[in-house]
């Protein structure tokens, strides 16, 4: 397992190195730092933003919104998905709603939440959560539909308590679907959070990108974008992927 993880890490590093090389070549061909600066040209603005405290502050605000939206969307989505997957009557009632929200553009929900609730944190978090709940619900519903009936029958024969059935029968089968929903969810949520901040907040990475977009400052747009992408890659590689491997272990044992 250790050798596999090391090889996987090496491949990721090599892949990122190739991407960096492509950036360098593209910047050289462009020949205009105001359009696409070289990677090393971002070091000074990055150091300046970090030393002033602005970069950590705005990164922290965006990350705070991502965490709240992720927790709320996953909680609601798991509950709805499980109910729809296990109870056909609930699925028949809620499936049209699910289809509507799956096809409702994120921008529309964001604008409506700001118009109805106001330009505040509640509207920002609500818009992100409403955008992500349908995707989590869909994944978890498919997992609930795929339960092994033999395992459920075994739990019934041995008269397992509800808590034991949930822990040893339901969650192990649902865990891979929850982990997949979490991985895809975090990737979508932070992008929507940036749009929410771009449109209606006074802090966060999205707000800073909007500010520097108005100033046509490509370097600072890249600094804030790449800084938060780095944070989210860390969350993905250090938290979500290990959790997903742990959730799938019983299927490959």
C-alpha atoms as a PDB file:
ATOM      1  CA  UNK A   1       0.000   0.000   0.000  1.00  0.00           C
ATOM      2  CA  UNK A   2       2.860   2.396   0.846  1.00  0.00           C
ATOM      3  CA  UNK A   3       4.562   1.778  -2.523  1.00  0.00           C
ATOM      4  CA  UNK A   4       1.271   2.406  -4.310  1.00  0.00           C
ATOM      5  CA  UNK A   5       0.742   5.701  -2.481  1.00  0.00           C
ATOM      6  CA  UNK A   6       4.316   6.782  -3.228  1.00  0.00           C
ATOM      7  CA  UNK A   7       3.905   6.007  -6.931  1.00  0.00           C
ATOM      8  CA  UNK A   8       0.590   7.855  -6.969  1.00  0.00           C
ATOM      9  CA  UNK A   9       2.176  10.893  -5.300  1.00  0.00           C
ATOM     10  CA  UNK A  10       5.066  10.822  -7.773  1.00  0.00           C
ATOM     11  CA  UNK A  11       2.673  10.755 -10.723  1.00  0.00           C
ATOM     12  CA  UNK A  12       0.718  13.712  -9.305  1.00  0.00           C
ATOM     13  CA  UNK A  13       3.900  15.737  -8.802  1.00  0.00           C
ATOM     14  CA  UNK A  14       5.065  14.940 -12.335  1.00  0.00           C
ATOM     15  CA  UNK A  15       1.657  15.874 -13.736  1.00  0.00           C
ATOM     16  CA  UNK A  16       1.739  19.237 -11.953  1.00  0.00           C
ATOM     17  CA  UNK A  17       5.299  19.798 -13.206  1.00  0.00           C
ATOM     18  CA  UNK A  18       4.105  19.273 -16.789  1.00  0.00           C
ATOM     19  CA  UNK A  19       1.274  21.748 -16.201  1.00  0.00           C
ATOM     20  CA  UNK A  20       3.775  24.271 -14.834  1.00  0.00           C
ATOM     21  CA  UNK A  21       5.998  23.766 -17.893  1.00  0.00           C
ATOM     22  CA  UNK A  22       3.031  24.414 -20.185  1.00  0.00           C
ATOM     23  CA  UNK A  23       2.324  27.633 -18.270  1.00  0.00           C
ATOM     24  CA  UNK A  24       5.935  28.769 -18.707  1.00  0.00           C
ATOM     25  CA  UNK A  25       5.826  28.032 -22.437  1.00  0.00           C
ATOM     26  CA  UNK A  26       2.477  29.808 -22.873  1.00  0.00           C
ATOM     27  CA  UNK A  27       3.741  32.872 -20.988  1.00  0.00           C
ATOM     28  CA  UNK A  28       6.899  32.919 -23.117  1.00  0.00           C
ATOM     29  CA  UNK A  29       4.887  32.719 -26.333  1.00  0.00           C
ATOM     30  CA  UNK A  30       2.539  35.474 -25.143  1.00  0.00           C
ATOM     31  CA  UNK A  31       5.446  37.721 -24.254  1.00  0.00           C
ATOM     32  CA  UNK A  32       3.217  40.070 -22.236  1.00  0.00           C
ATOM     33  CA  UNK A  33       3.275  39.878 -18.435  1.00  0.00           C
ATOM     34  CA  UNK A  34       0.054  41.872 -18.219  1.00  0.00           C
ATOM     35  CA  UNK A  35      -1.740  39.048 -20.040  1.00  0.00           C
ATOM     36  CA  UNK A  36       0.008  35.966 -18.640  1.00  0.00           C
ATOM     37  CA  UNK A  37       2.954  36.450 -16.268  1.00  0.00           C
ATOM     38  CA  UNK A  38       5.571  33.785 -15.654  1.00  0.00           C
ATOM     39  CA  UNK A  39       5.067  31.719 -12.468  1.00  0.00           C
ATOM     40  CA  UNK A  40       8.056  33.296 -10.722  1.00  0.00           C
ATOM     41  CA  UNK A  41       6.617  36.760 -11.396  1.00  0.00           C
ATOM     42  CA  UNK A  42       3.868  35.940  -8.873  1.00  0.00           C
ATOM     43  CA  UNK A  43       6.272  35.462  -5.961  1.00  0.00           C
ATOM     44  CA  UNK A  44       6.585  39.156  -5.083  1.00  0.00           C
ATOM     45  CA  UNK A  45       2.832  39.968  -5.167  1.00  0.00           C
ATOM     46  CA  UNK A  46       2.176  36.745  -3.231  1.00  0.00           C
ATOM     47  CA  UNK A  47       4.681  37.716  -0.536  1.00  0.00           C
ATOM     48  CA  UNK A  48       3.230  41.214  -0.364  1.00  0.00           C
ATOM     49  CA  UNK A  49      -0.360  39.971   0.001  1.00  0.00           C
ATOM     50  CA  UNK A  50       0.663  37.372   2.587  1.00  0.00           C
ATOM     51  CA  UNK A  51       2.783  39.802   4.623  1.00  0.00           C
ATOM     52  CA  UNK A  52      -0.012  42.396   4.728  1.00  0.00           C
ATOM     53  CA  UNK A  53      -2.423  39.805   6.111  1.00  0.00           C
ATOM     54  CA  UNK A  54      -4.929  40.287   3.279  1.00  0.00           C
ATOM     55  CA  UNK A  55      -4.311  36.921   1.646  1.00  0.00           C
ATOM     56  CA  UNK A  56      -4.704  34.825   4.833  1.00  0.00           C
ATOM     57  CA  UNK A  57      -7.791  36.826   5.848  1.00  0.00           C
ATOM     58  CA  UNK A  58      -9.622  36.392   2.542  1.00  0.00           C
ATOM     59  CA  UNK A  59      -8.567  32.747   2.244  1.00  0.00           C
ATOM     60  CA  UNK A  60      -9.932  32.155   5.735  1.00  0.00           C
ATOM     61  CA  UNK A  61     -13.287  33.790   4.954  1.00  0.00           C
ATOM     62  CA  UNK A  62     -13.746  31.710   1.804  1.00  0.00           C
ATOM     63  CA  UNK A  63     -12.708  28.515   3.579  1.00  0.00           C
ATOM     64  CA  UNK A  64     -15.164  29.275   6.400  1.00  0.00           C
ATOM     65  CA  UNK A  65     -18.016  29.582   3.890  1.00  0.00           C
ATOM     66  CA  UNK A  66     -16.939  26.396   2.112  1.00  0.00           C
ATOM     67  CA  UNK A  67     -16.903  24.427   5.387  1.00  0.00           C
ATOM     68  CA  UNK A  68     -20.354  25.636   6.445  1.00  0.00           C
ATOM     69  CA  UNK A  69     -21.915  25.053   3.033  1.00  0.00           C
ATOM     70  CA  UNK A  70     -20.279  21.631   2.720  1.00  0.00           C
ATOM     71  CA  UNK A  71     -21.467  20.476   6.146  1.00  0.00           C
ATOM     72  CA  UNK A  72     -25.050  21.640   5.595  1.00  0.00           C
ATOM     73  CA  UNK A  73     -25.304  20.312   2.038  1.00  0.00           C
ATOM     74  CA  UNK A  74     -23.890  16.898   2.967  1.00  0.00           C
ATOM     75  CA  UNK A  75     -26.170  16.554   6.006  1.00  0.00           C
ATOM     76  CA  UNK A  76     -29.347  17.457   4.113  1.00  0.00           C
ATOM     77  CA  UNK A  77     -28.341  15.570   0.977  1.00  0.00           C
ATOM     78  CA  UNK A  78     -27.533  12.335   2.835  1.00  0.00           C
ATOM     79  CA  UNK A  79     -30.848  12.423   4.716  1.00  0.00           C
ATOM     80  CA  UNK A  80     -32.895  13.123   1.578  1.00  0.00           C
ATOM     81  CA  UNK A  81     -30.971  10.649  -0.555  1.00  0.00           C
ATOM     82  CA  UNK A  82     -31.375   7.842   1.965  1.00  0.00           C
ATOM     83  CA  UNK A  83     -35.104   8.520   2.346  1.00  0.00           C
ATOM     84  CA  UNK A  84     -35.654   8.636  -1.415  1.00  0.00           C
ATOM     85  CA  UNK A  85     -33.606   5.508  -2.009  1.00  0.00           C
ATOM     86  CA  UNK A  86     -35.314   3.397   0.638  1.00  0.00           C
ATOM     87  CA  UNK A  87     -38.915   4.641   0.450  1.00  0.00           C
ATOM     88  CA  UNK A  88     -40.479   4.648  -3.048  1.00  0.00           C
ATOM     89  CA  UNK A  89     -43.359   6.903  -1.970  1.00  0.00           C
ATOM     90  CA  UNK A  90     -40.912   9.601  -0.817  1.00  0.00           C
ATOM     91  CA  UNK A  91     -38.964   9.204  -4.063  1.00  0.00           C
ATOM     92  CA  UNK A  92     -42.097   9.676  -6.195  1.00  0.00           C
ATOM     93  CA  UNK A  93     -42.989  12.886  -4.352  1.00  0.00           C
ATOM     94  CA  UNK A  94     -39.524  14.436  -4.265  1.00  0.00           C
ATOM     95  CA  UNK A  95     -38.071  13.280  -7.602  1.00  0.00           C
ATOM     96  CA  UNK A  96     -39.694  16.142  -9.600  1.00  0.00           C
ATOM     97  CA  UNK A  97     -38.258  18.636  -7.106  1.00  0.00           C
ATOM     98  CA  UNK A  98     -34.853  17.006  -7.472  1.00  0.00           C
ATOM     99  CA  UNK A  99     -34.975  17.257 -11.265  1.00  0.00           C
ATOM    100  CA  UNK A 100     -35.953  20.943 -11.079  1.00  0.00           C
ATOM    101  CA  UNK A 101     -33.119  21.870  -8.717  1.00  0.00           C
ATOM    102  CA  UNK A 102     -30.585  19.772 -10.640  1.00  0.00           C
ATOM    103  CA  UNK A 103     -31.343  21.798 -13.757  1.00  0.00           C
ATOM    104  CA  UNK A 104     -31.673  25.196 -12.085  1.00  0.00           C
ATOM    105  CA  UNK A 105     -28.567  27.269 -12.915  1.00  0.00           C
ATOM    106  CA  UNK A 106     -26.376  28.160  -9.949  1.00  0.00           C
ATOM    107  CA  UNK A 107     -26.336  31.814 -10.975  1.00  0.00           C
ATOM    108  CA  UNK A 108     -30.131  32.011 -10.791  1.00  0.00           C
ATOM    109  CA  UNK A 109     -30.207  30.593  -7.252  1.00  0.00           C
ATOM    110  CA  UNK A 110     -27.458  32.943  -6.123  1.00  0.00           C
ATOM    111  CA  UNK A 111     -29.208  36.022  -7.500  1.00  0.00           C
ATOM    112  CA  UNK A 112     -32.594  34.973  -6.078  1.00  0.00           C
ATOM    113  CA  UNK A 113     -31.128  34.316  -2.615  1.00  0.00           C
ATOM    114  CA  UNK A 114     -29.509  37.753  -2.602  1.00  0.00           C
ATOM    115  CA  UNK A 115     -32.767  39.377  -3.748  1.00  0.00           C
ATOM    116  CA  UNK A 116     -34.972  37.513  -1.268  1.00  0.00           C
ATOM    117  CA  UNK A 117     -32.695  37.323   1.791  1.00  0.00           C
ATOM    118  CA  UNK A 118     -30.324  40.235   1.248  1.00  0.00           C
ATOM    119  CA  UNK A 119     -26.608  40.718   0.688  1.00  0.00           C
ATOM    120  CA  UNK A 120     -25.535  38.825   3.814  1.00  0.00           C
ATOM    121  CA  UNK A 121     -23.874  35.605   4.930  1.00  0.00           C
ATOM    122  CA  UNK A 122     -27.176  33.764   5.286  1.00  0.00           C
ATOM    123  CA  UNK A 123     -28.023  34.352   1.626  1.00  0.00           C
ATOM    124  CA  UNK A 124     -24.505  33.401   0.518  1.00  0.00           C
ATOM    125  CA  UNK A 125     -24.453  30.096   2.418  1.00  0.00           C
ATOM    126  CA  UNK A 126     -28.062  29.273   1.475  1.00  0.00           C
ATOM    127  CA  UNK A 127     -27.346  29.764  -2.226  1.00  0.00           C
ATOM    128  CA  UNK A 128     -24.359  27.405  -2.117  1.00  0.00           C
ATOM    129  CA  UNK A 129     -26.198  24.772  -0.064  1.00  0.00           C
ATOM    130  CA  UNK A 130     -29.242  24.769  -2.362  1.00  0.00           C
ATOM    131  CA  UNK A 131     -26.962  24.345  -5.354  1.00  0.00           C
ATOM    132  CA  UNK A 132     -25.208  21.305  -3.907  1.00  0.00           C
ATOM    133  CA  UNK A 133     -27.968  19.379  -2.078  1.00  0.00           C
ATOM    134  CA  UNK A 134     -29.464  17.893  -5.301  1.00  0.00           C
ATOM    135  CA  UNK A 135     -26.130  16.366  -6.374  1.00  0.00           C
ATOM    136  CA  UNK A 136     -25.486  14.796  -2.967  1.00  0.00           C
ATOM    137  CA  UNK A 137     -29.067  13.528  -2.831  1.00  0.00           C
ATOM    138  CA  UNK A 138     -28.771  11.883  -6.245  1.00  0.00           C
ATOM    139  CA  UNK A 139     -25.559  10.017  -5.367  1.00  0.00           C
ATOM    140  CA  UNK A 140     -26.754   8.850  -1.973  1.00  0.00           C
ATOM    141  CA  UNK A 141     -30.127   7.781  -3.404  1.00  0.00           C
ATOM    142  CA  UNK A 142     -28.363   5.487  -5.863  1.00  0.00           C
ATOM    143  CA  UNK A 143     -26.328   4.031  -3.011  1.00  0.00           C
ATOM    144  CA  UNK A 144     -29.434   3.403  -0.941  1.00  0.00           C
ATOM    145  CA  UNK A 145     -31.084   1.683  -3.896  1.00  0.00           C
ATOM    146  CA  UNK A 146     -28.062  -0.605  -4.306  1.00  0.00           C
ATOM    147  CA  UNK A 147     -28.237  -2.120  -0.806  1.00  0.00           C
ATOM    148  CA  UNK A 148     -27.631  -5.872  -0.687  1.00  0.00           C
ATOM    149  CA  UNK A 149     -30.963  -7.484   0.334  1.00  0.00           C
ATOM    150  CA  UNK A 150     -29.120 -10.505   1.760  1.00  0.00           C
ATOM    151  CA  UNK A 151     -27.346  -8.316   4.304  1.00  0.00           C
ATOM    152  CA  UNK A 152     -30.631  -6.728   5.313  1.00  0.00           C
ATOM    153  CA  UNK A 153     -32.196 -10.185   5.684  1.00  0.00           C
ATOM    154  CA  UNK A 154     -29.277 -11.330   7.820  1.00  0.00           C
ATOM    155  CA  UNK A 155     -29.687  -8.299  10.086  1.00  0.00           C
ATOM    156  CA  UNK A 156     -33.385  -9.091  10.425  1.00  0.00           C
ATOM    157  CA  UNK A 157     -32.740 -12.776  11.234  1.00  0.00           C
ATOM    158  CA  UNK A 158     -30.226 -11.911  13.935  1.00  0.00           C
ATOM    159  CA  UNK A 159     -32.554  -9.216  15.257  1.00  0.00           C
ATOM    160  CA  UNK A 160     -29.911  -6.529  15.196  1.00  0.00           C
ATOM    161  CA  UNK A 161     -30.816  -3.303  16.939  1.00  0.00           C
ATOM    162  CA  UNK A 162     -31.364  -0.218  14.832  1.00  0.00           C
ATOM    163  CA  UNK A 163     -28.041   1.306  15.900  1.00  0.00           C
ATOM    164  CA  UNK A 164     -26.092  -1.886  15.111  1.00  0.00           C
ATOM    165  CA  UNK A 165     -27.847  -2.271  11.760  1.00  0.00           C
ATOM    166  CA  UNK A 166     -27.008   1.329  10.887  1.00  0.00           C
ATOM    167  CA  UNK A 167     -23.367   0.891  11.885  1.00  0.00           C
ATOM    168  CA  UNK A 168     -22.622  -2.539  10.448  1.00  0.00           C
ATOM    169  CA  UNK A 169     -25.057  -2.900   7.535  1.00  0.00           C
ATOM    170  CA  UNK A 170     -26.243   0.480   6.277  1.00  0.00           C
ATOM    171  CA  UNK A 171     -23.212   2.765   6.640  1.00  0.00           C
ATOM    172  CA  UNK A 172     -20.601   0.376   5.163  1.00  0.00           C
ATOM    173  CA  UNK A 173     -22.701   0.019   2.013  1.00  0.00           C
ATOM    174  CA  UNK A 174     -23.494   3.738   1.833  1.00  0.00           C
ATOM    175  CA  UNK A 175     -19.993   4.985   2.715  1.00  0.00           C
ATOM    176  CA  UNK A 176     -18.475   4.807  -0.816  1.00  0.00           C
ATOM    177  CA  UNK A 177     -21.376   6.846  -2.211  1.00  0.00           C
ATOM    178  CA  UNK A 178     -21.093   9.399   0.596  1.00  0.00           C
ATOM    179  CA  UNK A 179     -17.345   9.649   0.030  1.00  0.00           C
ATOM    180  CA  UNK A 180     -17.860  10.180  -3.711  1.00  0.00           C
ATOM    181  CA  UNK A 181     -20.496  12.825  -3.007  1.00  0.00           C
ATOM    182  CA  UNK A 182     -18.106  14.553  -0.605  1.00  0.00           C
ATOM    183  CA  UNK A 183     -15.241  14.607  -3.103  1.00  0.00           C
ATOM    184  CA  UNK A 184     -17.348  15.952  -5.943  1.00  0.00           C
ATOM    185  CA  UNK A 185     -19.187  18.226  -3.516  1.00  0.00           C
ATOM    186  CA  UNK A 186     -16.162  20.041  -2.170  1.00  0.00           C
ATOM    187  CA  UNK A 187     -14.915  20.658  -5.714  1.00  0.00           C
ATOM    188  CA  UNK A 188     -18.210  22.210  -6.789  1.00  0.00           C
ATOM    189  CA  UNK A 189     -18.939  24.074  -3.555  1.00  0.00           C
ATOM    190  CA  UNK A 190     -15.767  26.138  -3.455  1.00  0.00           C
ATOM    191  CA  UNK A 191     -16.289  27.217  -7.074  1.00  0.00           C
ATOM    192  CA  UNK A 192     -19.849  28.335  -6.283  1.00  0.00           C
ATOM    193  CA  UNK A 193     -18.615  30.115  -3.145  1.00  0.00           C
ATOM    194  CA  UNK A 194     -16.246  32.174  -5.319  1.00  0.00           C
ATOM    195  CA  UNK A 195     -19.156  33.181  -7.560  1.00  0.00           C
ATOM    196  CA  UNK A 196     -21.240  34.092  -4.494  1.00  0.00           C
ATOM    197  CA  UNK A 197     -18.398  36.272  -3.191  1.00  0.00           C
ATOM    198  CA  UNK A 198     -17.814  37.766  -6.637  1.00  0.00           C
ATOM    199  CA  UNK A 199     -21.433  38.896  -6.858  1.00  0.00           C
ATOM    200  CA  UNK A 200     -22.329  40.005  -3.378  1.00  0.00           C
ATOM    201  CA  UNK A 201     -19.766  39.797  -0.563  1.00  0.00           C
ATOM    202  CA  UNK A 202     -17.197  42.304   0.701  1.00  0.00           C
ATOM    203  CA  UNK A 203     -14.482  39.759   1.514  1.00  0.00           C
ATOM    204  CA  UNK A 204     -13.204  36.380   0.417  1.00  0.00           C
ATOM    205  CA  UNK A 205     -11.205  35.148  -2.567  1.00  0.00           C
ATOM    206  CA  UNK A 206     -14.086  35.755  -4.988  1.00  0.00           C
ATOM    207  CA  UNK A 207     -14.379  39.371  -3.839  1.00  0.00           C
ATOM    208  CA  UNK A 208     -10.622  39.900  -4.298  1.00  0.00           C
ATOM    209  CA  UNK A 209     -10.722  38.366  -7.779  1.00  0.00           C
ATOM    210  CA  UNK A 210     -13.565  40.771  -8.637  1.00  0.00           C
ATOM    211  CA  UNK A 211     -11.537  43.694  -7.272  1.00  0.00           C
ATOM    212  CA  UNK A 212      -8.396  42.872  -9.249  1.00  0.00           C
ATOM    213  CA  UNK A 213     -10.440  42.026 -12.335  1.00  0.00           C
ATOM    214  CA  UNK A 214     -11.704  45.612 -12.306  1.00  0.00           C
ATOM    215  CA  UNK A 215      -8.079  46.768 -12.099  1.00  0.00           C
ATOM    216  CA  UNK A 216      -6.978  44.373 -14.896  1.00  0.00           C
ATOM    217  CA  UNK A 217      -4.353  42.968 -12.519  1.00  0.00           C
ATOM    218  CA  UNK A 218      -3.810  39.443 -13.869  1.00  0.00           C
ATOM    219  CA  UNK A 219      -0.986  38.697 -11.435  1.00  0.00           C
ATOM    220  CA  UNK A 220      -3.115  39.260  -8.326  1.00  0.00           C
ATOM    221  CA  UNK A 221      -6.052  37.351  -9.816  1.00  0.00           C
ATOM    222  CA  UNK A 222      -3.687  34.406 -10.293  1.00  0.00           C
ATOM    223  CA  UNK A 223      -2.210  34.812  -6.797  1.00  0.00           C
ATOM    224  CA  UNK A 224      -5.597  34.552  -5.085  1.00  0.00           C
ATOM    225  CA  UNK A 225      -6.877  31.850  -7.425  1.00  0.00           C
ATOM    226  CA  UNK A 226      -3.821  29.618  -7.135  1.00  0.00           C
ATOM    227  CA  UNK A 227      -3.578  30.130  -3.374  1.00  0.00           C
ATOM    228  CA  UNK A 228      -7.076  28.819  -2.804  1.00  0.00           C
ATOM    229  CA  UNK A 229      -6.656  26.040  -5.378  1.00  0.00           C
ATOM    230  CA  UNK A 230      -3.591  24.928  -3.392  1.00  0.00           C
ATOM    231  CA  UNK A 231      -5.620  24.889  -0.172  1.00  0.00           C
ATOM    232  CA  UNK A 232      -8.376  22.811  -1.770  1.00  0.00           C
ATOM    233  CA  UNK A 233      -5.873  20.391  -3.321  1.00  0.00           C
ATOM    234  CA  UNK A 234      -4.490  19.879   0.179  1.00  0.00           C
ATOM    235  CA  UNK A 235      -7.980  19.151   1.494  1.00  0.00           C
ATOM    236  CA  UNK A 236      -8.595  16.737  -1.383  1.00  0.00           C
ATOM    237  CA  UNK A 237      -5.331  14.802  -1.087  1.00  0.00           C
ATOM    238  CA  UNK A 238      -4.882  14.839   2.682  1.00  0.00           C
ATOM    239  CA  UNK A 239      -8.493  14.471   3.850  1.00  0.00           C
ATOM    240  CA  UNK A 240     -11.041  13.365   1.258  1.00  0.00           C
ATOM    241  CA  UNK A 241      -9.057  10.780  -0.697  1.00  0.00           C
ATOM    242  CA  UNK A 242      -7.864   8.911   2.445  1.00  0.00           C
ATOM    243  CA  UNK A 243     -11.449   8.917   3.761  1.00  0.00           C
ATOM    244  CA  UNK A 244     -12.721   7.510   0.452  1.00  0.00           C
ATOM    245  CA  UNK A 245     -10.066   4.752   0.458  1.00  0.00           C
ATOM    246  CA  UNK A 246     -11.041   3.896   4.026  1.00  0.00           C
ATOM    247  CA  UNK A 247     -14.721   3.778   3.071  1.00  0.00           C
ATOM    248  CA  UNK A 248     -14.033   1.394   0.175  1.00  0.00           C
ATOM    249  CA  UNK A 249     -11.679  -0.934   2.028  1.00  0.00           C
ATOM    250  CA  UNK A 250     -14.350  -3.519   2.908  1.00  0.00           C
ATOM    251  CA  UNK A 251     -15.256  -3.968  -0.765  1.00  0.00           C
ATOM    252  CA  UNK A 252     -11.664  -4.730  -1.755  1.00  0.00           C
ATOM    253  CA  UNK A 253     -10.669  -6.743   1.293  1.00  0.00           C
END
